[in-house]
Amino acid sequence: MLDYKPAGGGDPNKHENSKEAEGGDNTEKDMLYELHLLFKNLSSNKKSKGSFDHRRFMNAIKASNALFDNDEHHDSHEFINWLLDKVHEDFMRNERAKPRAAPDGIPASFVQDMFKGKLVNVVTCVTCETTTRREETFFNLSLDIE
């Protein structure tokens, strides 16, 4: 993923002028590209210790989702669901070739390949012993911990 280039080439979050385009800093960002830059900068950092400037990534999050445009604490489960969904959408939008179709007919991406699961519900009637089976796809599975 170190060679990721968004559709149209270049940085999708930079504007031609020194001033931001209409809408200022609140224009939606390509989070796949921002995540790519974050990981690329982290992996190319020569220092084994020290700080890392994460402001660009945080500003992109705030510009892409008004829910996170504050300094309050948020639910991590809600954040990772939003981020994975946004990365999947950005990937599918930036795909140059036709997306490869998954068996269920939904276009696939690396997000689906890594996080998609299948839940099988089997119900058997106690009277007639008829069994019905239903499959559902999911990207996260909530489990109660006791």
N, C-alpha and C. Protein backbone atom coordinates (compact mmCIF):
# COMPACT_ATOMS: atom_id res chain seq x y z
N MET A 1 0.81 -1.18 0.00
CA MET A 1 0.00 0.00 0.00
C MET A 1 0.87 1.26 0.00
N LEU A 2 2.16 1.12 -0.04
CA LEU A 2 3.02 2.28 -0.04
C LEU A 2 2.97 3.07 -1.33
N ASP A 3 2.39 2.49 -2.39
CA ASP A 3 2.32 3.18 -3.68
C ASP A 3 0.93 3.69 -3.98
N TYR A 4 0.07 3.83 -2.99
CA TYR A 4 -1.30 4.26 -3.22
C TYR A 4 -1.34 5.66 -3.78
N LYS A 5 -2.05 5.82 -4.88
CA LYS A 5 -2.29 7.12 -5.48
C LYS A 5 -3.79 7.25 -5.68
N PRO A 6 -4.39 8.31 -5.15
CA PRO A 6 -5.82 8.49 -5.35
C PRO A 6 -6.15 8.79 -6.80
N ALA A 7 -7.41 8.61 -7.16
CA ALA A 7 -7.85 8.88 -8.53
C ALA A 7 -7.51 10.32 -8.88
N GLY A 8 -6.99 10.53 -10.07
CA GLY A 8 -6.59 11.86 -10.50
C GLY A 8 -5.15 12.18 -10.17
N GLY A 9 -4.48 11.29 -9.41
CA GLY A 9 -3.08 11.49 -9.06
C GLY A 9 -2.86 12.61 -8.07
N GLY A 10 -1.73 12.62 -7.47
CA GLY A 10 -1.38 13.67 -6.54
C GLY A 10 -2.12 13.57 -5.21
N ASP A 11 -1.99 14.61 -4.44
CA ASP A 11 -2.62 14.68 -3.12
C ASP A 11 -4.03 15.21 -3.28
N PRO A 12 -5.04 14.40 -2.97
CA PRO A 12 -6.41 14.86 -3.16
C PRO A 12 -6.81 15.93 -2.16
N ASN A 13 -6.01 16.15 -1.16
CA ASN A 13 -6.37 17.07 -0.10
C ASN A 13 -5.66 18.41 -0.22
N LYS A 14 -4.83 18.58 -1.25
CA LYS A 14 -4.17 19.87 -1.49
C LYS A 14 -4.95 20.59 -2.57
N HIS A 15 -5.01 21.90 -2.47
CA HIS A 15 -5.73 22.70 -3.45
C HIS A 15 -4.73 23.51 -4.25
N GLU A 16 -5.15 23.93 -5.44
CA GLU A 16 -4.28 24.67 -6.34
C GLU A 16 -3.79 25.99 -5.70
N ASN A 17 -4.69 26.68 -5.02
CA ASN A 17 -4.35 27.97 -4.44
C ASN A 17 -3.73 27.78 -3.07
N SER A 18 -3.13 28.85 -2.58
CA SER A 18 -2.63 28.80 -1.21
C SER A 18 -3.79 28.83 -0.22
N LYS A 19 -4.93 29.42 -0.65
CA LYS A 19 -6.12 29.40 0.18
C LYS A 19 -6.86 28.10 -0.07
N GLU A 20 -7.60 27.64 0.93
CA GLU A 20 -8.40 26.42 0.77
C GLU A 20 -9.53 26.70 -0.21
N ALA A 21 -10.00 25.63 -0.87
CA ALA A 21 -11.14 25.76 -1.77
C ALA A 21 -12.37 26.14 -0.97
N GLU A 22 -13.46 26.44 -1.66
CA GLU A 22 -14.68 26.80 -0.96
C GLU A 22 -14.99 25.77 0.11
N GLY A 23 -15.41 26.24 1.25
CA GLY A 23 -15.69 25.32 2.34
C GLY A 23 -14.53 25.26 3.31
N GLY A 24 -13.40 25.86 3.00
CA GLY A 24 -12.26 25.90 3.91
C GLY A 24 -11.77 24.52 4.25
N ASP A 25 -11.39 24.33 5.51
CA ASP A 25 -10.83 23.07 5.98
C ASP A 25 -11.87 21.97 6.13
N ASN A 26 -13.15 22.30 5.92
CA ASN A 26 -14.20 21.33 6.15
C ASN A 26 -14.51 20.48 4.92
N THR A 27 -13.66 20.49 3.90
CA THR A 27 -13.89 19.64 2.75
C THR A 27 -13.53 18.20 3.12
N GLU A 28 -14.32 17.28 2.63
CA GLU A 28 -14.11 15.87 2.99
C GLU A 28 -12.78 15.37 2.43
N LYS A 29 -12.09 14.58 3.22
CA LYS A 29 -10.77 14.07 2.86
C LYS A 29 -10.85 12.62 2.41
N ASP A 30 -9.88 12.20 1.63
CA ASP A 30 -9.74 10.80 1.23
C ASP A 30 -9.00 10.11 2.38
N MET A 31 -9.75 9.42 3.22
CA MET A 31 -9.16 8.83 4.42
C MET A 31 -8.21 7.68 4.10
N LEU A 32 -8.41 7.00 2.99
CA LEU A 32 -7.46 5.96 2.60
C LEU A 32 -6.10 6.59 2.33
N TYR A 33 -6.09 7.72 1.65
CA TYR A 33 -4.85 8.42 1.38
C TYR A 33 -4.22 8.94 2.67
N GLU A 34 -5.04 9.49 3.55
CA GLU A 34 -4.53 10.00 4.82
C GLU A 34 -3.96 8.87 5.68
N LEU A 35 -4.62 7.73 5.70
CA LEU A 35 -4.11 6.58 6.44
C LEU A 35 -2.82 6.07 5.82
N HIS A 36 -2.78 6.08 4.49
CA HIS A 36 -1.56 5.71 3.76
C HIS A 36 -0.39 6.61 4.18
N LEU A 37 -0.62 7.92 4.19
CA LEU A 37 0.43 8.86 4.59
C LEU A 37 0.86 8.65 6.04
N LEU A 38 -0.11 8.40 6.92
CA LEU A 38 0.21 8.17 8.32
C LEU A 38 1.13 6.97 8.49
N PHE A 39 0.76 5.84 7.87
CA PHE A 39 1.59 4.63 8.00
C PHE A 39 2.93 4.79 7.29
N LYS A 40 2.92 5.48 6.16
CA LYS A 40 4.18 5.70 5.44
C LYS A 40 5.14 6.55 6.27
N ASN A 41 4.61 7.61 6.88
CA ASN A 41 5.46 8.47 7.72
C ASN A 41 5.93 7.74 8.97
N LEU A 42 5.08 6.93 9.56
CA LEU A 42 5.49 6.16 10.74
C LEU A 42 6.57 5.15 10.39
N SER A 43 6.42 4.47 9.25
CA SER A 43 7.40 3.44 8.88
C SER A 43 8.72 4.03 8.40
N SER A 44 8.68 5.24 7.86
CA SER A 44 9.93 5.84 7.37
C SER A 44 10.61 6.71 8.43
N ASN A 45 10.01 6.82 9.61
CA ASN A 45 10.61 7.60 10.69
C ASN A 45 11.89 6.91 11.16
N LYS A 46 13.00 7.59 11.09
CA LYS A 46 14.29 7.01 11.43
C LYS A 46 14.49 6.86 12.94
N LYS A 47 13.78 7.68 13.71
CA LYS A 47 13.94 7.65 15.16
C LYS A 47 13.20 6.46 15.75
N SER A 48 13.83 5.81 16.71
CA SER A 48 13.14 4.73 17.40
C SER A 48 12.33 5.28 18.58
N LYS A 49 12.65 6.51 18.98
CA LYS A 49 11.94 7.17 20.07
C LYS A 49 11.58 8.57 19.62
N GLY A 50 10.65 9.17 20.33
CA GLY A 50 10.31 10.55 20.03
C GLY A 50 8.85 10.69 19.67
N SER A 51 8.50 11.88 19.25
CA SER A 51 7.10 12.16 18.94
C SER A 51 6.85 12.10 17.44
N PHE A 52 5.58 12.04 17.11
CA PHE A 52 5.16 12.02 15.72
C PHE A 52 4.03 13.03 15.57
N ASP A 53 4.07 13.83 14.53
CA ASP A 53 3.04 14.84 14.31
C ASP A 53 1.84 14.20 13.62
N HIS A 54 0.79 14.03 14.37
CA HIS A 54 -0.42 13.36 13.88
C HIS A 54 -1.50 14.35 13.49
N ARG A 55 -1.20 15.65 13.49
CA ARG A 55 -2.23 16.67 13.26
C ARG A 55 -2.89 16.57 11.90
N ARG A 56 -2.14 16.23 10.86
CA ARG A 56 -2.75 16.13 9.53
C ARG A 56 -3.83 15.05 9.52
N PHE A 57 -3.53 13.90 10.11
CA PHE A 57 -4.50 12.80 10.16
C PHE A 57 -5.72 13.21 11.00
N MET A 58 -5.49 13.83 12.13
CA MET A 58 -6.60 14.27 12.98
C MET A 58 -7.45 15.33 12.29
N ASN A 59 -6.83 16.24 11.58
CA ASN A 59 -7.59 17.26 10.84
C ASN A 59 -8.42 16.63 9.73
N ALA A 60 -7.88 15.61 9.09
CA ALA A 60 -8.63 14.91 8.04
C ALA A 60 -9.84 14.20 8.63
N ILE A 61 -9.68 13.60 9.80
CA ILE A 61 -10.81 12.94 10.47
C ILE A 61 -11.88 13.97 10.80
N LYS A 62 -11.46 15.09 11.37
CA LYS A 62 -12.42 16.12 11.76
C LYS A 62 -13.13 16.71 10.54
N ALA A 63 -12.43 16.86 9.42
CA ALA A 63 -13.04 17.42 8.21
C ALA A 63 -13.99 16.42 7.55
N SER A 64 -13.75 15.14 7.73
CA SER A 64 -14.55 14.12 7.07
C SER A 64 -15.79 13.71 7.84
N ASN A 65 -15.80 13.93 9.16
CA ASN A 65 -16.94 13.52 9.96
C ASN A 65 -17.15 14.53 11.08
N ALA A 66 -18.27 15.23 11.03
CA ALA A 66 -18.57 16.27 12.01
C ALA A 66 -18.67 15.71 13.43
N LEU A 67 -19.00 14.44 13.56
CA LEU A 67 -19.09 13.82 14.88
C LEU A 67 -17.76 13.89 15.63
N PHE A 68 -16.65 13.78 14.89
CA PHE A 68 -15.33 13.78 15.51
C PHE A 68 -14.66 15.15 15.46
N ASP A 69 -15.40 16.19 15.09
CA ASP A 69 -14.83 17.53 14.98
C ASP A 69 -14.88 18.26 16.31
N ASN A 70 -14.33 17.64 17.35
CA ASN A 70 -14.23 18.26 18.66
C ASN A 70 -13.16 17.50 19.45
N ASP A 71 -12.90 17.94 20.64
CA ASP A 71 -11.87 17.31 21.46
C ASP A 71 -12.45 16.43 22.55
N GLU A 72 -13.67 15.97 22.36
CA GLU A 72 -14.33 15.11 23.34
C GLU A 72 -13.89 13.67 23.14
N HIS A 73 -14.12 12.86 24.16
CA HIS A 73 -13.86 11.42 24.05
C HIS A 73 -14.98 10.78 23.25
N HIS A 74 -14.62 9.80 22.41
CA HIS A 74 -15.60 9.11 21.59
C HIS A 74 -15.43 7.61 21.73
N ASP A 75 -16.47 6.91 21.34
CA ASP A 75 -16.48 5.46 21.38
C ASP A 75 -15.53 4.92 20.30
N SER A 76 -14.58 4.10 20.71
CA SER A 76 -13.59 3.56 19.77
C SER A 76 -14.25 2.62 18.76
N HIS A 77 -15.27 1.90 19.18
CA HIS A 77 -15.98 0.98 18.28
C HIS A 77 -16.67 1.77 17.16
N GLU A 78 -17.28 2.89 17.52
CA GLU A 78 -17.93 3.76 16.54
C GLU A 78 -16.89 4.34 15.58
N PHE A 79 -15.73 4.73 16.10
CA PHE A 79 -14.68 5.30 15.26
C PHE A 79 -14.14 4.28 14.26
N ILE A 80 -13.81 3.07 14.73
CA ILE A 80 -13.22 2.09 13.81
C ILE A 80 -14.24 1.66 12.75
N ASN A 81 -15.53 1.59 13.11
CA ASN A 81 -16.56 1.28 12.11
C ASN A 81 -16.61 2.37 11.05
N TRP A 82 -16.59 3.64 11.49
CA TRP A 82 -16.63 4.74 10.53
C TRP A 82 -15.37 4.73 9.66
N LEU A 83 -14.20 4.57 10.27
CA LEU A 83 -12.95 4.62 9.52
C LEU A 83 -12.88 3.49 8.48
N LEU A 84 -13.23 2.27 8.87
CA LEU A 84 -13.19 1.16 7.91
C LEU A 84 -14.18 1.38 6.78
N ASP A 85 -15.37 1.89 7.10
CA ASP A 85 -16.37 2.17 6.07
C ASP A 85 -15.87 3.25 5.12
N LYS A 86 -15.27 4.29 5.66
CA LYS A 86 -14.76 5.40 4.84
C LYS A 86 -13.59 4.95 3.97
N VAL A 87 -12.69 4.15 4.53
CA VAL A 87 -11.56 3.64 3.76
C VAL A 87 -12.07 2.75 2.63
N HIS A 88 -13.06 1.91 2.93
CA HIS A 88 -13.65 1.05 1.89
C HIS A 88 -14.26 1.90 0.78
N GLU A 89 -15.04 2.93 1.15
CA GLU A 89 -15.66 3.80 0.15
C GLU A 89 -14.60 4.51 -0.70
N ASP A 90 -13.56 5.02 -0.06
CA ASP A 90 -12.50 5.71 -0.79
C ASP A 90 -11.77 4.75 -1.73
N PHE A 91 -11.53 3.54 -1.27
CA PHE A 91 -10.86 2.54 -2.11
C PHE A 91 -11.71 2.23 -3.33
N MET A 92 -13.01 2.00 -3.12
CA MET A 92 -13.89 1.65 -4.23
C MET A 92 -14.02 2.82 -5.21
N ARG A 93 -14.05 4.04 -4.71
CA ARG A 93 -14.14 5.21 -5.59
C ARG A 93 -12.87 5.38 -6.41
N ASN A 94 -11.73 5.03 -5.82
CA ASN A 94 -10.45 5.24 -6.49
C ASN A 94 -9.99 4.05 -7.33
N GLU A 95 -10.75 2.98 -7.32
CA GLU A 95 -10.37 1.83 -8.14
C GLU A 95 -10.44 2.21 -9.61
N ARG A 96 -9.38 2.00 -10.32
CA ARG A 96 -9.38 2.31 -11.75
C ARG A 96 -10.06 1.20 -12.56
N ALA A 97 -9.76 -0.02 -12.20
CA ALA A 97 -10.36 -1.16 -12.91
C ALA A 97 -11.72 -1.47 -12.27
N LYS A 98 -12.49 -2.30 -12.95
CA LYS A 98 -13.77 -2.73 -12.38
C LYS A 98 -13.50 -3.50 -11.10
N PRO A 99 -14.30 -3.25 -10.07
CA PRO A 99 -14.09 -4.00 -8.83
C PRO A 99 -14.40 -5.47 -9.05
N ARG A 100 -13.60 -6.30 -8.41
CA ARG A 100 -13.87 -7.73 -8.52
C ARG A 100 -15.09 -8.05 -7.68
N ALA A 101 -15.95 -8.90 -8.17
CA ALA A 101 -17.20 -9.19 -7.49
C ALA A 101 -16.99 -10.29 -6.46
N ALA A 102 -17.56 -10.09 -5.30
CA ALA A 102 -17.56 -11.11 -4.26
C ALA A 102 -18.65 -12.13 -4.60
N PRO A 103 -18.63 -13.31 -3.99
CA PRO A 103 -19.64 -14.32 -4.29
C PRO A 103 -21.07 -13.84 -4.07
N ASP A 104 -21.29 -12.93 -3.13
CA ASP A 104 -22.64 -12.45 -2.88
C ASP A 104 -23.02 -11.27 -3.77
N GLY A 105 -22.20 -10.93 -4.76
CA GLY A 105 -22.51 -9.88 -5.71
C GLY A 105 -22.11 -8.48 -5.28
N ILE A 106 -21.62 -8.31 -4.07
CA ILE A 106 -21.19 -7.01 -3.58
C ILE A 106 -19.73 -6.80 -3.98
N PRO A 107 -19.38 -5.66 -4.59
CA PRO A 107 -17.97 -5.43 -4.94
C PRO A 107 -17.07 -5.55 -3.72
N ALA A 108 -15.89 -6.12 -3.91
CA ALA A 108 -14.99 -6.39 -2.79
C ALA A 108 -13.84 -5.40 -2.76
N SER A 109 -13.28 -5.22 -1.59
CA SER A 109 -12.07 -4.43 -1.40
C SER A 109 -11.22 -5.14 -0.35
N PHE A 110 -10.03 -4.63 -0.12
CA PHE A 110 -9.17 -5.24 0.88
C PHE A 110 -9.80 -5.14 2.27
N VAL A 111 -10.63 -4.14 2.51
CA VAL A 111 -11.31 -4.01 3.80
C VAL A 111 -12.24 -5.19 3.99
N GLN A 112 -12.98 -5.54 2.95
CA GLN A 112 -13.87 -6.70 3.03
C GLN A 112 -13.07 -7.98 3.18
N ASP A 113 -11.98 -8.09 2.45
CA ASP A 113 -11.16 -9.30 2.54
C ASP A 113 -10.63 -9.52 3.95
N MET A 114 -10.34 -8.44 4.66
CA MET A 114 -9.74 -8.56 5.99
C MET A 114 -10.76 -8.63 7.12
N PHE A 115 -11.90 -7.94 6.98
CA PHE A 115 -12.80 -7.78 8.12
C PHE A 115 -14.19 -8.42 7.95
N LYS A 116 -14.50 -8.91 6.78
CA LYS A 116 -15.84 -9.46 6.55
C LYS A 116 -15.95 -10.86 7.13
N GLY A 117 -17.06 -11.11 7.79
CA GLY A 117 -17.35 -12.44 8.33
C GLY A 117 -18.74 -12.87 7.92
N LYS A 118 -19.07 -14.10 8.22
CA LYS A 118 -20.38 -14.63 7.87
C LYS A 118 -20.97 -15.27 9.11
N LEU A 119 -22.20 -14.89 9.43
CA LEU A 119 -22.94 -15.44 10.55
C LEU A 119 -24.04 -16.32 9.99
N VAL A 120 -24.12 -17.54 10.48
CA VAL A 120 -25.14 -18.47 10.00
C VAL A 120 -26.15 -18.70 11.12
N ASN A 121 -27.42 -18.38 10.84
CA ASN A 121 -28.50 -18.63 11.78
C ASN A 121 -29.26 -19.87 11.33
N VAL A 122 -29.36 -20.85 12.19
CA VAL A 122 -30.10 -22.07 11.89
C VAL A 122 -31.22 -22.20 12.92
N VAL A 123 -32.46 -22.27 12.43
CA VAL A 123 -33.62 -22.40 13.30
C VAL A 123 -34.36 -23.67 12.93
N THR A 124 -34.63 -24.50 13.94
CA THR A 124 -35.35 -25.75 13.73
C THR A 124 -36.67 -25.70 14.49
N CYS A 125 -37.76 -25.95 13.78
CA CYS A 125 -39.08 -25.96 14.39
C CYS A 125 -39.22 -27.23 15.24
N VAL A 126 -39.66 -27.07 16.50
CA VAL A 126 -39.80 -28.23 17.38
C VAL A 126 -41.01 -29.08 17.02
N THR A 127 -41.99 -28.53 16.32
CA THR A 127 -43.19 -29.28 15.95
C THR A 127 -42.97 -30.12 14.69
N CYS A 128 -42.57 -29.45 13.60
CA CYS A 128 -42.43 -30.17 12.32
C CYS A 128 -40.99 -30.51 11.97
N GLU A 129 -40.06 -30.05 12.76
CA GLU A 129 -38.63 -30.28 12.58
C GLU A 129 -38.08 -29.75 11.26
N THR A 130 -38.74 -28.72 10.73
CA THR A 130 -38.25 -28.04 9.54
C THR A 130 -37.11 -27.10 9.95
N THR A 131 -36.04 -27.13 9.19
CA THR A 131 -34.88 -26.31 9.50
C THR A 131 -34.74 -25.21 8.45
N THR A 132 -34.55 -23.99 8.93
CA THR A 132 -34.25 -22.88 8.02
C THR A 132 -32.86 -22.36 8.36
N ARG A 133 -32.17 -22.01 7.33
CA ARG A 133 -30.79 -21.53 7.48
C ARG A 133 -30.68 -20.19 6.78
N ARG A 134 -30.12 -19.20 7.48
CA ARG A 134 -29.96 -17.88 6.92
C ARG A 134 -28.54 -17.41 7.19
N GLU A 135 -27.88 -16.89 6.16
CA GLU A 135 -26.52 -16.38 6.30
C GLU A 135 -26.53 -14.86 6.22
N GLU A 136 -25.78 -14.24 7.12
CA GLU A 136 -25.64 -12.79 7.13
C GLU A 136 -24.16 -12.43 7.15
N THR A 137 -23.80 -11.42 6.37
CA THR A 137 -22.41 -10.95 6.41
C THR A 137 -22.31 -9.83 7.44
N PHE A 138 -21.14 -9.70 8.05
CA PHE A 138 -20.91 -8.65 9.03
C PHE A 138 -19.46 -8.20 8.98
N PHE A 139 -19.23 -7.01 9.51
CA PHE A 139 -17.88 -6.47 9.58
C PHE A 139 -17.41 -6.32 11.02
N ASN A 140 -18.34 -6.42 11.94
CA ASN A 140 -17.95 -6.45 13.34
C ASN A 140 -18.98 -7.29 14.08
N LEU A 141 -18.56 -7.93 15.10
CA LEU A 141 -19.40 -8.83 15.86
C LEU A 141 -19.29 -8.42 17.32
N SER A 142 -20.40 -7.98 17.87
CA SER A 142 -20.40 -7.57 19.28
C SER A 142 -20.61 -8.79 20.16
N LEU A 143 -19.77 -8.94 21.14
CA LEU A 143 -19.85 -10.05 22.07
C LEU A 143 -19.98 -9.51 23.47
N ASP A 144 -20.87 -10.12 24.26
CA ASP A 144 -20.99 -9.75 25.67
C ASP A 144 -19.89 -10.45 26.44
N ILE A 145 -19.19 -9.68 27.25
CA ILE A 145 -18.13 -10.24 28.08
C ILE A 145 -18.63 -10.24 29.53
N GLU A 146 -18.61 -11.40 30.13
CA GLU A 146 -19.09 -11.51 31.51
C GLU A 146 -17.93 -11.69 32.47
